[in-house]
PDB file of N, CA and C in Angstrom:
ATOM      1  N   UNK A   1      90.286 159.223  41.520  1.00  0.00           N
ATOM      2  CA  UNK A   1      90.317 157.912  42.216  1.00  0.00           C
ATOM      3  C   UNK A   1      89.048 157.247  42.064  1.00  0.00           C
ATOM      4  N   UNK A   2      87.904 157.972  42.331  1.00  0.00           N
ATOM      5  CA  UNK A   2      86.522 157.460  42.321  1.00  0.00           C
ATOM      6  C   UNK A   2      86.271 156.908  40.926  1.00  0.00           C
ATOM      7  N   UNK A   3      86.744 157.658  39.886  1.00  0.00           N
ATOM      8  CA  UNK A   3      86.520 157.318  38.463  1.00  0.00           C
ATOM      9  C   UNK A   3      87.266 155.972  38.225  1.00  0.00           C
ATOM     10  N   UNK A   4      88.440 155.768  38.665  1.00  0.00           N
ATOM     11  CA  UNK A   4      89.235 154.562  38.477  1.00  0.00           C
ATOM     12  C   UNK A   4      88.532 153.344  39.142  1.00  0.00           C
ATOM     13  N   UNK A   5      87.986 153.549  40.304  1.00  0.00           N
ATOM     14  CA  UNK A   5      87.315 152.452  41.033  1.00  0.00           C
ATOM     15  C   UNK A   5      86.065 152.031  40.264  1.00  0.00           C
ATOM     16  N   UNK A   6      85.290 153.086  39.714  1.00  0.00           N
ATOM     17  CA  UNK A   6      84.063 152.764  38.950  1.00  0.00           C
ATOM     18  C   UNK A   6      84.471 152.030  37.712  1.00  0.00           C
ATOM     19  N   UNK A   7      85.474 152.467  36.974  1.00  0.00           N
ATOM     20  CA  UNK A   7      85.873 151.871  35.734  1.00  0.00           C
ATOM     21  C   UNK A   7      86.400 150.340  35.931  1.00  0.00           C
ATOM     22  N   UNK A   8      87.146 150.200  37.062  1.00  0.00           N
ATOM     23  CA  UNK A   8      87.604 148.857  37.337  1.00  0.00           C
ATOM     24  C   UNK A   8      86.379 147.869  37.719  1.00  0.00           C
ATOM     25  N   UNK A   9      85.475 148.430  38.455  1.00  0.00           N
ATOM     26  CA  UNK A   9      84.263 147.531  38.764  1.00  0.00           C
ATOM     27  C   UNK A   9      83.506 147.265  37.484  1.00  0.00           C
ATOM     28  N   UNK A  10      83.349 148.216  36.603  1.00  0.00           N
ATOM     29  CA  UNK A  10      82.625 148.024  35.322  1.00  0.00           C
ATOM     30  C   UNK A  10      83.324 146.935  34.521  1.00  0.00           C
ATOM     31  N   UNK A  11      84.596 147.057  34.402  1.00  0.00           N
ATOM     32  CA  UNK A  11      85.403 146.117  33.613  1.00  0.00           C
ATOM     33  C   UNK A  11      85.281 144.677  34.144  1.00  0.00           C
ATOM     34  N   UNK A  12      85.346 144.576  35.428  1.00  0.00           N
ATOM     35  CA  UNK A  12      85.265 143.254  36.157  1.00  0.00           C
ATOM     36  C   UNK A  12      83.797 142.661  35.909  1.00  0.00           C
ATOM     37  N   UNK A  13      82.779 143.481  36.030  1.00  0.00           N
ATOM     38  CA  UNK A  13      81.385 143.038  35.807  1.00  0.00           C
ATOM     39  C   UNK A  13      81.264 142.595  34.403  1.00  0.00           C
ATOM     40  N   UNK A  14      81.758 143.308  33.463  1.00  0.00           N
ATOM     41  CA  UNK A  14      81.618 142.881  32.041  1.00  0.00           C
ATOM     42  C   UNK A  14      82.401 141.538  31.820  1.00  0.00           C
ATOM     43  N   UNK A  15      83.579 141.529  32.388  1.00  0.00           N
ATOM     44  CA  UNK A  15      84.338 140.245  32.220  1.00  0.00           C
ATOM     45  C   UNK A  15      83.620 139.065  32.671  1.00  0.00           C
ATOM     46  N   UNK A  16      83.044 139.084  33.949  1.00  0.00           N
ATOM     47  CA  UNK A  16      82.344 137.990  34.492  1.00  0.00           C
ATOM     48  C   UNK A  16      81.087 137.650  33.864  1.00  0.00           C
ATOM     49  N   UNK A  17      80.391 138.715  33.289  1.00  0.00           N
ATOM     50  CA  UNK A  17      79.157 138.459  32.518  1.00  0.00           C
ATOM     51  C   UNK A  17      79.455 137.757  31.234  1.00  0.00           C
ATOM     52  N   UNK A  18      80.508 138.158  30.555  1.00  0.00           N
ATOM     53  CA  UNK A  18      80.898 137.475  29.258  1.00  0.00           C
ATOM     54  C   UNK A  18      81.370 136.094  29.588  1.00  0.00           C
ATOM     55  N   UNK A  19      82.101 135.895  30.645  1.00  0.00           N
ATOM     56  CA  UNK A  19      82.606 134.577  30.919  1.00  0.00           C
ATOM     57  C   UNK A  19      81.374 133.622  31.232  1.00  0.00           C
ATOM     58  N   UNK A  20      80.439 134.057  31.977  1.00  0.00           N
ATOM     59  CA  UNK A  20      79.222 133.293  32.297  1.00  0.00           C
ATOM     60  C   UNK A  20      78.447 133.044  31.033  1.00  0.00           C
ATOM     61  N   UNK A  21      78.319 134.070  30.221  1.00  0.00           N
ATOM     62  CA  UNK A  21      77.501 133.920  28.984  1.00  0.00           C
ATOM     63  C   UNK A  21      78.059 132.970  28.016  1.00  0.00           C
ATOM     64  N   UNK A  22      79.354 132.653  27.988  1.00  0.00           N
ATOM     65  CA  UNK A  22      79.964 131.650  27.079  1.00  0.00           C
ATOM     66  C   UNK A  22      80.128 130.311  27.691  1.00  0.00           C
ATOM     67  N   UNK A  23      79.735 130.129  28.952  1.00  0.00           N
ATOM     68  CA  UNK A  23      79.855 128.831  29.533  1.00  0.00           C
ATOM     69  C   UNK A  23      78.770 127.833  29.052  1.00  0.00           C
ATOM     70  N   UNK A  24      79.139 126.601  29.174  1.00  0.00           N
ATOM     71  CA  UNK A  24      78.270 125.554  28.644  1.00  0.00           C
ATOM     72  C   UNK A  24      77.466 124.996  29.856  1.00  0.00           C
ATOM     73  N   UNK A  25      76.221 124.681  29.610  1.00  0.00           N
ATOM     74  CA  UNK A  25      75.335 124.014  30.540  1.00  0.00           C
ATOM     75  C   UNK A  25      74.943 122.699  30.003  1.00  0.00           C
ATOM     76  N   UNK A  26      74.124 121.920  30.734  1.00  0.00           N
ATOM     77  CA  UNK A  26      73.716 120.597  30.296  1.00  0.00           C
ATOM     78  C   UNK A  26      72.875 120.678  29.067  1.00  0.00           C
ATOM     79  N   UNK A  27      72.054 121.713  28.915  1.00  0.00           N
ATOM     80  CA  UNK A  27      71.128 121.844  27.814  1.00  0.00           C
ATOM     81  C   UNK A  27      71.559 122.856  26.754  1.00  0.00           C
ATOM     82  N   UNK A  28      72.717 123.591  27.019  1.00  0.00           N
ATOM     83  CA  UNK A  28      73.165 124.620  26.116  1.00  0.00           C
ATOM     84  C   UNK A  28      74.660 124.534  25.904  1.00  0.00           C
ATOM     85  N   UNK A  29      75.010 124.784  24.627  1.00  0.00           N
ATOM     86  CA  UNK A  29      76.376 124.665  24.220  1.00  0.00           C
ATOM     87  C   UNK A  29      77.094 125.971  24.411  1.00  0.00           C
ATOM     88  N   UNK A  30      78.413 125.931  24.644  1.00  0.00           N
ATOM     89  CA  UNK A  30      79.172 127.171  24.518  1.00  0.00           C
ATOM     90  C   UNK A  30      79.450 127.556  23.045  1.00  0.00           C
ATOM     91  N   UNK A  31      79.928 128.702  22.859  1.00  0.00           N
ATOM     92  CA  UNK A  31      80.222 129.116  21.518  1.00  0.00           C
ATOM     93  C   UNK A  31      81.148 128.204  20.783  1.00  0.00           C
ATOM     94  N   UNK A  32      82.234 127.778  21.500  1.00  0.00           N
ATOM     95  CA  UNK A  32      83.203 126.812  20.854  1.00  0.00           C
ATOM     96  C   UNK A  32      82.625 125.551  20.558  1.00  0.00           C
ATOM     97  N   UNK A  33      81.758 125.012  21.445  1.00  0.00           N
ATOM     98  CA  UNK A  33      81.159 123.697  21.127  1.00  0.00           C
ATOM     99  C   UNK A  33      80.114 123.836  19.941  1.00  0.00           C
ATOM    100  N   UNK A  34      79.450 125.015  19.863  1.00  0.00           N
ATOM    101  CA  UNK A  34      78.558 125.144  18.737  1.00  0.00           C
ATOM    102  C   UNK A  34      79.315 125.206  17.396  1.00  0.00           C
ATOM    103  N   UNK A  35      80.473 125.766  17.325  1.00  0.00           N
ATOM    104  CA  UNK A  35      81.282 125.827  16.151  1.00  0.00           C
ATOM    105  C   UNK A  35      81.817 124.429  15.927  1.00  0.00           C
ATOM    106  N   UNK A  36      82.252 123.668  16.897  1.00  0.00           N
ATOM    107  CA  UNK A  36      82.711 122.301  16.663  1.00  0.00           C
ATOM    108  C   UNK A  36      81.600 121.410  16.134  1.00  0.00           C
ATOM    109  N   UNK A  37      80.357 121.551  16.733  1.00  0.00           N
ATOM    110  CA  UNK A  37      79.299 120.715  16.311  1.00  0.00           C
ATOM    111  C   UNK A  37      78.820 121.074  14.912  1.00  0.00           C
ATOM    112  N   UNK A  38      78.932 122.347  14.457  1.00  0.00           N
ATOM    113  CA  UNK A  38      78.642 122.750  13.106  1.00  0.00           C
ATOM    114  C   UNK A  38      79.706 122.030  12.134  1.00  0.00           C
ATOM    115  N   UNK A  39      80.918 121.964  12.454  1.00  0.00           N
ATOM    116  CA  UNK A  39      81.911 121.323  11.696  1.00  0.00           C
ATOM    117  C   UNK A  39      81.622 119.843  11.483  1.00  0.00           C
ATOM    118  N   UNK A  40      81.265 119.142  12.708  1.00  0.00           N
ATOM    119  CA  UNK A  40      80.902 117.757  12.638  1.00  0.00           C
ATOM    120  C   UNK A  40      79.649 117.479  11.858  1.00  0.00           C
ATOM    121  N   UNK A  41      78.648 118.308  11.896  1.00  0.00           N
ATOM    122  CA  UNK A  41      77.456 118.101  11.128  1.00  0.00           C
ATOM    123  C   UNK A  41      77.739 118.221   9.659  1.00  0.00           C
ATOM    124  N   UNK A  42      78.616 119.141   9.253  1.00  0.00           N
ATOM    125  CA  UNK A  42      78.987 119.368   7.799  1.00  0.00           C
ATOM    126  C   UNK A  42      79.795 118.161   7.348  1.00  0.00           C
ATOM    127  N   UNK A  43      80.709 117.686   8.154  1.00  0.00           N
ATOM    128  CA  UNK A  43      81.490 116.501   7.860  1.00  0.00           C
ATOM    129  C   UNK A  43      80.633 115.187   7.622  1.00  0.00           C
ATOM    130  N   UNK A  44      79.628 115.039   8.540  1.00  0.00           N
ATOM    131  CA  UNK A  44      78.820 113.845   8.439  1.00  0.00           C
ATOM    132  C   UNK A  44      77.947 114.011   7.133  1.00  0.00           C
ATOM    133  N   UNK A  45      77.412 115.234   6.861  1.00  0.00           N
ATOM    134  CA  UNK A  45      76.607 115.386   5.659  1.00  0.00           C
ATOM    135  C   UNK A  45      77.427 115.185   4.426  1.00  0.00           C
ATOM    136  N   UNK A  46      78.707 115.509   4.401  1.00  0.00           N
ATOM    137  CA  UNK A  46      79.552 115.351   3.276  1.00  0.00           C
ATOM    138  C   UNK A  46      79.825 113.851   3.079  1.00  0.00           C
ATOM    139  N   UNK A  47      80.010 113.175   4.099  1.00  0.00           N
ATOM    140  CA  UNK A  47      80.318 111.715   4.116  1.00  0.00           C
ATOM    141  C   UNK A  47      79.099 111.015   3.527  1.00  0.00           C
ATOM    142  N   UNK A  48      77.905 111.448   3.867  1.00  0.00           N
ATOM    143  CA  UNK A  48      76.709 110.776   3.362  1.00  0.00           C
ATOM    144  C   UNK A  48      76.527 111.186   1.920  1.00  0.00           C
ATOM    145  N   UNK A  49      76.797 112.329   1.523  1.00  0.00           N
ATOM    146  CA  UNK A  49      76.697 112.876   0.246  1.00  0.00           C
ATOM    147  C   UNK A  49      77.660 112.125  -0.763  1.00  0.00           C
ATOM    148  N   UNK A  50      78.940 111.860  -0.250  1.00  0.00           N
ATOM    149  CA  UNK A  50      79.832 111.043  -1.122  1.00  0.00           C
ATOM    150  C   UNK A  50      79.543 109.561  -1.117  1.00  0.00           C
ATOM    151  N   UNK A  51      78.614 109.029  -0.470  1.00  0.00           N
ATOM    152  CA  UNK A  51      78.245 107.644  -0.418  1.00  0.00           C
ATOM    153  C   UNK A  51      77.171 107.495  -1.497  1.00  0.00           C
ATOM    154  N   UNK A  52      77.427 106.724  -2.634  1.00  0.00           N
ATOM    155  CA  UNK A  52      76.442 106.625  -3.657  1.00  0.00           C
ATOM    156  C   UNK A  52      75.138 105.876  -3.337  1.00  0.00           C
ATOM    157  N   UNK A  53      75.161 104.977  -2.349  1.00  0.00           N
ATOM    158  CA  UNK A  53      74.025 104.233  -1.934  1.00  0.00           C
ATOM    159  C   UNK A  53      73.030 105.122  -1.089  1.00  0.00           C
ATOM    160  N   UNK A  54      73.485 106.229  -0.534  1.00  0.00           N
ATOM    161  CA  UNK A  54      72.651 107.061   0.310  1.00  0.00           C
ATOM    162  C   UNK A  54      72.125 108.355  -0.382  1.00  0.00           C
ATOM    163  N   UNK A  55      71.005 108.812  -0.040  1.00  0.00           N
ATOM    164  CA  UNK A  55      70.536 110.066  -0.499  1.00  0.00           C
ATOM    165  C   UNK A  55      70.530 111.062   0.656  1.00  0.00           C
ATOM    166  N   UNK A  56      71.417 112.185   0.494  1.00  0.00           N
ATOM    167  CA  UNK A  56      71.522 113.095   1.595  1.00  0.00           C
ATOM    168  C   UNK A  56      70.169 113.775   1.926  1.00  0.00           C
ATOM    169  N   UNK A  57      69.262 113.827   0.958  1.00  0.00           N
ATOM    170  CA  UNK A  57      68.013 114.496   1.239  1.00  0.00           C
ATOM    171  C   UNK A  57      67.109 113.694   2.142  1.00  0.00           C
ATOM    172  N   UNK A  58      67.379 112.380   2.287  1.00  0.00           N
ATOM    173  CA  UNK A  58      66.626 111.455   3.101  1.00  0.00           C
ATOM    174  C   UNK A  58      66.992 111.558   4.558  1.00  0.00           C
ATOM    175  N   UNK A  59      68.279 111.939   4.838  1.00  0.00           N
ATOM    176  CA  UNK A  59      68.841 111.831   6.206  1.00  0.00           C
ATOM    177  C   UNK A  59      69.098 113.152   6.711  1.00  0.00           C
ATOM    178  N   UNK A  60      68.500 113.487   7.900  1.00  0.00           N
ATOM    179  CA  UNK A  60      68.780 114.744   8.562  1.00  0.00           C
ATOM    180  C   UNK A  60      69.879 114.506   9.633  1.00  0.00           C
ATOM    181  N   UNK A  61      70.757 115.443   9.818  1.00  0.00           N
ATOM    182  CA  UNK A  61      71.878 115.332  10.713  1.00  0.00           C
ATOM    183  C   UNK A  61      71.907 116.479  11.584  1.00  0.00           C
ATOM    184  N   UNK A  62      71.887 116.246  12.943  1.00  0.00           N
ATOM    185  CA  UNK A  62      71.968 117.253  13.991  1.00  0.00           C
ATOM    186  C   UNK A  62      73.015 116.816  14.916  1.00  0.00           C
ATOM    187  N   UNK A  63      73.825 117.809  15.500  1.00  0.00           N
ATOM    188  CA  UNK A  63      74.829 117.406  16.409  1.00  0.00           C
ATOM    189  C   UNK A  63      74.733 118.388  17.655  1.00  0.00           C
ATOM    190  N   UNK A  64      74.937 117.753  18.858  1.00  0.00           N
ATOM    191  CA  UNK A  64      74.863 118.419  20.092  1.00  0.00           C
ATOM    192  C   UNK A  64      76.000 117.912  20.945  1.00  0.00           C
ATOM    193  N   UNK A  65      77.028 118.770  21.323  1.00  0.00           N
ATOM    194  CA  UNK A  65      78.113 118.357  22.149  1.00  0.00           C
ATOM    195  C   UNK A  65      78.772 117.010  21.643  1.00  0.00           C
ATOM    196  N   UNK A  66      78.978 116.892  20.386  1.00  0.00           N
ATOM    197  CA  UNK A  66      79.660 115.745  19.789  1.00  0.00           C
ATOM    198  C   UNK A  66      78.744 114.508  19.501  1.00  0.00           C
ATOM    199  N   UNK A  67      77.566 114.589  19.964  1.00  0.00           N
ATOM    200  CA  UNK A  67      76.627 113.411  19.723  1.00  0.00           C
ATOM    201  C   UNK A  67      75.779 113.806  18.477  1.00  0.00           C
ATOM    202  N   UNK A  68      75.861 112.917  17.483  1.00  0.00           N
ATOM    203  CA  UNK A  68      75.192 113.062  16.227  1.00  0.00           C
ATOM    204  C   UNK A  68      73.845 112.341  16.222  1.00  0.00           C
ATOM    205  N   UNK A  69      72.860 112.986  15.819  1.00  0.00           N
ATOM    206  CA  UNK A  69      71.485 112.382  15.711  1.00  0.00           C
ATOM    207  C   UNK A  69      71.207 112.399  14.268  1.00  0.00           C
ATOM    208  N   UNK A  70      70.878 111.110  13.774  1.00  0.00           N
ATOM    209  CA  UNK A  70      70.484 110.892  12.418  1.00  0.00           C
ATOM    210  C   UNK A  70      68.978 110.526  12.385  1.00  0.00           C
ATOM    211  N   UNK A  71      68.205 111.260  11.504  1.00  0.00           N
ATOM    212  CA  UNK A  71      66.831 110.974  11.486  1.00  0.00           C
ATOM    213  C   UNK A  71      66.420 111.058  10.014  1.00  0.00           C
ATOM    214  N   UNK A  72      65.172 110.572   9.723  1.00  0.00           N
ATOM    215  CA  UNK A  72      64.666 110.663   8.322  1.00  0.00           C
ATOM    216  C   UNK A  72      64.094 109.213   7.977  1.00  0.00           C
ATOM    217  N   UNK A  73      63.655 109.173   6.733  1.00  0.00           N
ATOM    218  CA  UNK A  73      63.190 107.911   6.174  1.00  0.00           C
ATOM    219  C   UNK A  73      64.030 107.424   5.071  1.00  0.00           C
ATOM    220  N   UNK A  74      64.598 106.182   5.174  1.00  0.00           N
ATOM    221  CA  UNK A  74      65.463 105.731   4.211  1.00  0.00           C
ATOM    222  C   UNK A  74      64.927 104.355   3.615  1.00  0.00           C
ATOM    223  N   UNK A  75      65.532 103.913   2.562  1.00  0.00           N
ATOM    224  CA  UNK A  75      64.929 102.780   1.751  1.00  0.00           C
ATOM    225  C   UNK A  75      65.258 101.416   2.305  1.00  0.00           C
ATOM    226  N   UNK A  76      66.311 101.228   3.125  1.00  0.00           N
ATOM    227  CA  UNK A  76      66.696  99.955   3.545  1.00  0.00           C
ATOM    228  C   UNK A  76      67.431  99.946   4.917  1.00  0.00           C
ATOM    229  N   UNK A  77      67.512  98.819   5.492  1.00  0.00           N
ATOM    230  CA  UNK A  77      68.274  98.608   6.787  1.00  0.00           C
ATOM    231  C   UNK A  77      69.811  98.900   6.500  1.00  0.00           C
ATOM    232  N   UNK A  78      70.234  98.479   5.277  1.00  0.00           N
ATOM    233  CA  UNK A  78      71.622  98.696   4.932  1.00  0.00           C
ATOM    234  C   UNK A  78      71.980 100.181   4.879  1.00  0.00           C
ATOM    235  N   UNK A  79      71.038 100.984   4.417  1.00  0.00           N
ATOM    236  CA  UNK A  79      71.317 102.438   4.403  1.00  0.00           C
ATOM    237  C   UNK A  79      71.406 102.955   5.787  1.00  0.00           C
ATOM    238  N   UNK A  80      70.720 102.424   6.775  1.00  0.00           N
ATOM    239  CA  UNK A  80      70.787 102.898   8.092  1.00  0.00           C
ATOM    240  C   UNK A  80      72.167 102.497   8.680  1.00  0.00           C
ATOM    241  N   UNK A  81      72.583 101.282   8.490  1.00  0.00           N
ATOM    242  CA  UNK A  81      73.865 100.918   9.022  1.00  0.00           C
ATOM    243  C   UNK A  81      74.996 101.673   8.308  1.00  0.00           C
ATOM    244  N   UNK A  82      74.867 101.911   7.011  1.00  0.00           N
ATOM    245  CA  UNK A  82      75.912 102.720   6.351  1.00  0.00           C
ATOM    246  C   UNK A  82      76.030 104.054   6.797  1.00  0.00           C
ATOM    247  N   UNK A  83      74.892 104.708   7.034  1.00  0.00           N
ATOM    248  CA  UNK A  83      74.822 106.088   7.590  1.00  0.00           C
ATOM    249  C   UNK A  83      75.460 106.159   8.948  1.00  0.00           C
ATOM    250  N   UNK A  84      75.129 105.242   9.798  1.00  0.00           N
ATOM    251  CA  UNK A  84      75.701 105.183  11.211  1.00  0.00           C
ATOM    252  C   UNK A  84      77.211 104.953  11.142  1.00  0.00           C
ATOM    253  N   UNK A  85      77.620 104.048  10.250  1.00  0.00           N
ATOM    254  CA  UNK A  85      79.086 103.758  10.175  1.00  0.00           C
ATOM    255  C   UNK A  85      79.812 105.048   9.681  1.00  0.00           C
ATOM    256  N   UNK A  86      79.264 105.728   8.684  1.00  0.00           N
ATOM    257  CA  UNK A  86      79.917 107.010   8.300  1.00  0.00           C
ATOM    258  C   UNK A  86      80.024 108.074   9.287  1.00  0.00           C
ATOM    259  N   UNK A  87      78.861 108.191  10.014  1.00  0.00           N
ATOM    260  CA  UNK A  87      78.847 109.206  11.042  1.00  0.00           C
ATOM    261  C   UNK A  87      79.961 108.838  12.156  1.00  0.00           C
ATOM    262  N   UNK A  88      79.962 107.631  12.577  1.00  0.00           N
ATOM    263  CA  UNK A  88      81.007 107.273  13.582  1.00  0.00           C
ATOM    264  C   UNK A  88      82.424 107.456  13.135  1.00  0.00           C
ATOM    265  N   UNK A  89      82.613 107.437  11.825  1.00  0.00           N
ATOM    266  CA  UNK A  89      83.982 107.629  11.281  1.00  0.00           C
ATOM    267  C   UNK A  89      84.448 109.078  11.227  1.00  0.00           C
ATOM    268  N   UNK A  90      83.527 110.019  11.471  1.00  0.00           N
ATOM    269  CA  UNK A  90      83.892 111.423  11.463  1.00  0.00           C
ATOM    270  C   UNK A  90      84.612 111.886  12.721  1.00  0.00           C
ATOM    271  N   UNK A  91      85.688 112.574  12.541  1.00  0.00           N
ATOM    272  CA  UNK A  91      86.448 113.071  13.672  1.00  0.00           C
ATOM    273  C   UNK A  91      85.646 114.057  14.569  1.00  0.00           C
ATOM    274  N   UNK A  92      85.747 113.721  15.934  1.00  0.00           N
ATOM    275  CA  UNK A  92      85.022 114.592  16.783  1.00  0.00           C
ATOM    276  C   UNK A  92      83.647 114.039  17.308  1.00  0.00           C
ATOM    277  N   UNK A  93      83.178 112.976  16.620  1.00  0.00           N
ATOM    278  CA  UNK A  93      81.833 112.301  16.954  1.00  0.00           C
ATOM    279  C   UNK A  93      82.102 111.483  18.144  1.00  0.00           C
ATOM    280  N   UNK A  94      81.345 111.742  19.222  1.00  0.00           N
ATOM    281  CA  UNK A  94      81.430 110.908  20.482  1.00  0.00           C
ATOM    282  C   UNK A  94      80.380 109.829  20.559  1.00  0.00           C
ATOM    283  N   UNK A  95      79.203 110.039  19.880  1.00  0.00           N
ATOM    284  CA  UNK A  95      78.166 109.006  19.905  1.00  0.00           C
ATOM    285  C   UNK A  95      77.250 109.348  18.746  1.00  0.00           C
ATOM    286  N   UNK A  96      76.503 108.297  18.211  1.00  0.00           N
ATOM    287  CA  UNK A  96      75.526 108.490  17.202  1.00  0.00           C
ATOM    288  C   UNK A  96      74.195 107.919  17.681  1.00  0.00           C
ATOM    289  N   UNK A  97      73.117 108.763  17.610  1.00  0.00           N
ATOM    290  CA  UNK A  97      71.788 108.309  17.855  1.00  0.00           C
ATOM    291  C   UNK A  97      71.078 108.092  16.558  1.00  0.00           C
ATOM    292  N   UNK A  98      70.466 106.888  16.467  1.00  0.00           N
ATOM    293  CA  UNK A  98      69.695 106.555  15.227  1.00  0.00           C
ATOM    294  C   UNK A  98      68.266 106.764  15.434  1.00  0.00           C
ATOM    295  N   UNK A  99      67.638 107.687  14.669  1.00  0.00           N
ATOM    296  CA  UNK A  99      66.228 107.933  14.616  1.00  0.00           C
ATOM    297  C   UNK A  99      65.713 107.756  13.209  1.00  0.00           C
ATOM    298  N   UNK A 100      66.479 107.079  12.448  1.00  0.00           N
ATOM    299  CA  UNK A 100      66.088 106.791  10.988  1.00  0.00           C
ATOM    300  C   UNK A 100      65.028 105.730  10.945  1.00  0.00           C
ATOM    301  N   UNK A 101      64.111 105.781  10.092  1.00  0.00           N
ATOM    302  CA  UNK A 101      63.058 104.783   9.866  1.00  0.00           C
ATOM    303  C   UNK A 101      62.995 104.392   8.429  1.00  0.00           C
ATOM    304  N   UNK A 102      62.477 103.151   8.217  1.00  0.00           N
ATOM    305  CA  UNK A 102      62.383 102.539   6.895  1.00  0.00           C
ATOM    306  C   UNK A 102      61.098 103.160   6.301  1.00  0.00           C
ATOM    307  N   UNK A 103      61.153 103.408   4.920  1.00  0.00           N
ATOM    308  CA  UNK A 103      60.035 103.898   4.147  1.00  0.00           C
ATOM    309  C   UNK A 103      59.006 102.754   4.044  1.00  0.00           C
TER     310      UNK A 103
END
């Protein structure tokens, strides 16, 4: 009986530790959000790569909880607006932050 109580307590402690470890906070993503953000980042980079007027090497893409941040140095203001438009068109993007600068 003592062994069963110890095992039950251990399983409950592991469960709650795992549950807490996977939870999201304001400054940290959960595992599921991290995977979703990775998919969004890849989709935005692919959209930029498929746009002939943009150079994917000029634009850095980072995603946190659905918010995409675009940064880097681009050749024109048209490139900035095109990159923003493409990022907003990706499924799962909740907001786009522009930190791109003109060369």
